[in-house]
Amino acid sequence: MPNPRRRHSRARGRRRRTHWKVVRPVLGTCPQCKAPKEPHRICLACGTYDGRPVIDFETRRAKKAEKKKKKSR
């Protein structure tokens, strides 16, 4: 693999990195609960996508609590 023969100055490296910018994520609103969410993703507040329930949070919480209870024994 090729290696640089000479050290690049700080200015040269920084000039190269001027186009590395942080992009703010695009947020829409969930039609069910009006919480902010990314487009084409499941709503993390209510667990729906395209008007249909995808994640059942109650079941998940119950499973997690049960697993934690077993682990603490």
Protein backbone atom coordinates (compact mmCIF):
# COMPACT_ATOMS: atom_id res chain seq x y z
CA MET A 1 0.00 0.00 0.00
CA PRO A 2 1.48 3.38 -0.92
CA ASN A 3 2.56 5.70 1.85
CA PRO A 4 3.02 9.46 1.68
CA ARG A 5 6.66 10.39 1.07
CA ARG A 6 6.40 13.84 2.64
CA ARG A 7 4.36 15.25 5.49
CA HIS A 8 1.42 17.45 4.48
CA SER A 9 1.08 20.79 6.21
CA ARG A 10 -1.90 21.47 8.50
CA ALA A 11 -3.26 23.99 6.02
CA ARG A 12 -3.18 21.48 3.19
CA GLY A 13 -4.98 18.83 5.23
CA ARG A 14 -7.58 21.31 6.45
CA ARG A 15 -8.12 22.63 2.94
CA ARG A 16 -8.85 19.08 1.80
CA ARG A 17 -11.34 18.59 4.65
CA THR A 18 -13.36 21.77 4.00
CA HIS A 19 -16.08 19.72 2.32
CA TRP A 20 -16.57 17.36 5.28
CA LYS A 21 -19.68 18.91 6.75
CA VAL A 22 -22.20 17.64 9.26
CA VAL A 23 -25.62 17.29 7.67
CA ARG A 24 -28.70 17.88 9.80
CA PRO A 25 -31.06 14.89 9.54
CA VAL A 26 -34.33 15.52 7.75
CA LEU A 27 -37.25 15.06 10.13
CA GLY A 28 -40.92 14.64 9.34
CA THR A 29 -43.83 14.04 11.67
CA CYS A 30 -45.50 10.75 12.45
CA PRO A 31 -49.10 10.81 11.19
CA GLN A 32 -50.27 8.72 14.19
CA CYS A 33 -48.66 10.43 17.18
CA LYS A 34 -47.18 13.61 15.63
CA ALA A 35 -43.72 12.85 17.04
CA PRO A 36 -40.67 13.83 14.93
CA LYS A 37 -39.27 10.93 12.90
CA GLU A 38 -36.99 10.32 9.94
CA PRO A 39 -38.72 9.66 6.62
CA HIS A 40 -39.10 5.98 5.60
CA ARG A 41 -38.35 4.80 9.15
CA ILE A 42 -40.44 3.30 11.94
CA CYS A 43 -41.70 5.86 14.45
CA LEU A 44 -39.78 5.28 17.67
CA ALA A 45 -42.55 6.81 19.78
CA CYS A 46 -45.50 4.67 18.69
CA GLY A 47 -43.90 1.89 16.57
CA THR A 48 -45.90 2.44 13.37
CA TYR A 49 -44.85 2.64 9.73
CA ASP A 50 -47.13 3.72 6.91
CA GLY A 51 -50.15 3.67 9.23
CA ARG A 52 -49.58 0.06 10.36
CA PRO A 53 -48.27 -1.08 13.76
CA VAL A 54 -44.85 -2.69 13.32
CA ILE A 55 -43.44 -2.85 16.86
CA ASP A 56 -45.48 -3.77 19.90
CA PHE A 57 -43.73 -1.87 22.69
CA GLU A 58 -45.84 -3.39 25.49
CA THR A 59 -44.76 -6.93 24.61
CA ARG A 60 -41.14 -5.82 24.31
CA ARG A 61 -41.18 -4.13 27.71
CA ALA A 62 -42.73 -7.21 29.32
CA LYS A 63 -40.09 -9.51 27.77
CA LYS A 64 -37.29 -7.20 28.87
CA ALA A 65 -38.61 -7.05 32.45
CA GLU A 66 -38.99 -10.84 32.53
CA LYS A 67 -35.43 -11.31 31.26
CA LYS A 68 -34.09 -8.86 33.84
CA LYS A 69 -36.00 -10.66 36.60
CA LYS A 70 -34.50 -14.03 35.55
CA LYS A 71 -31.00 -12.55 35.43
CA SER A 72 -31.24 -11.07 38.94
CA ARG A 73 -32.04 -14.46 40.48
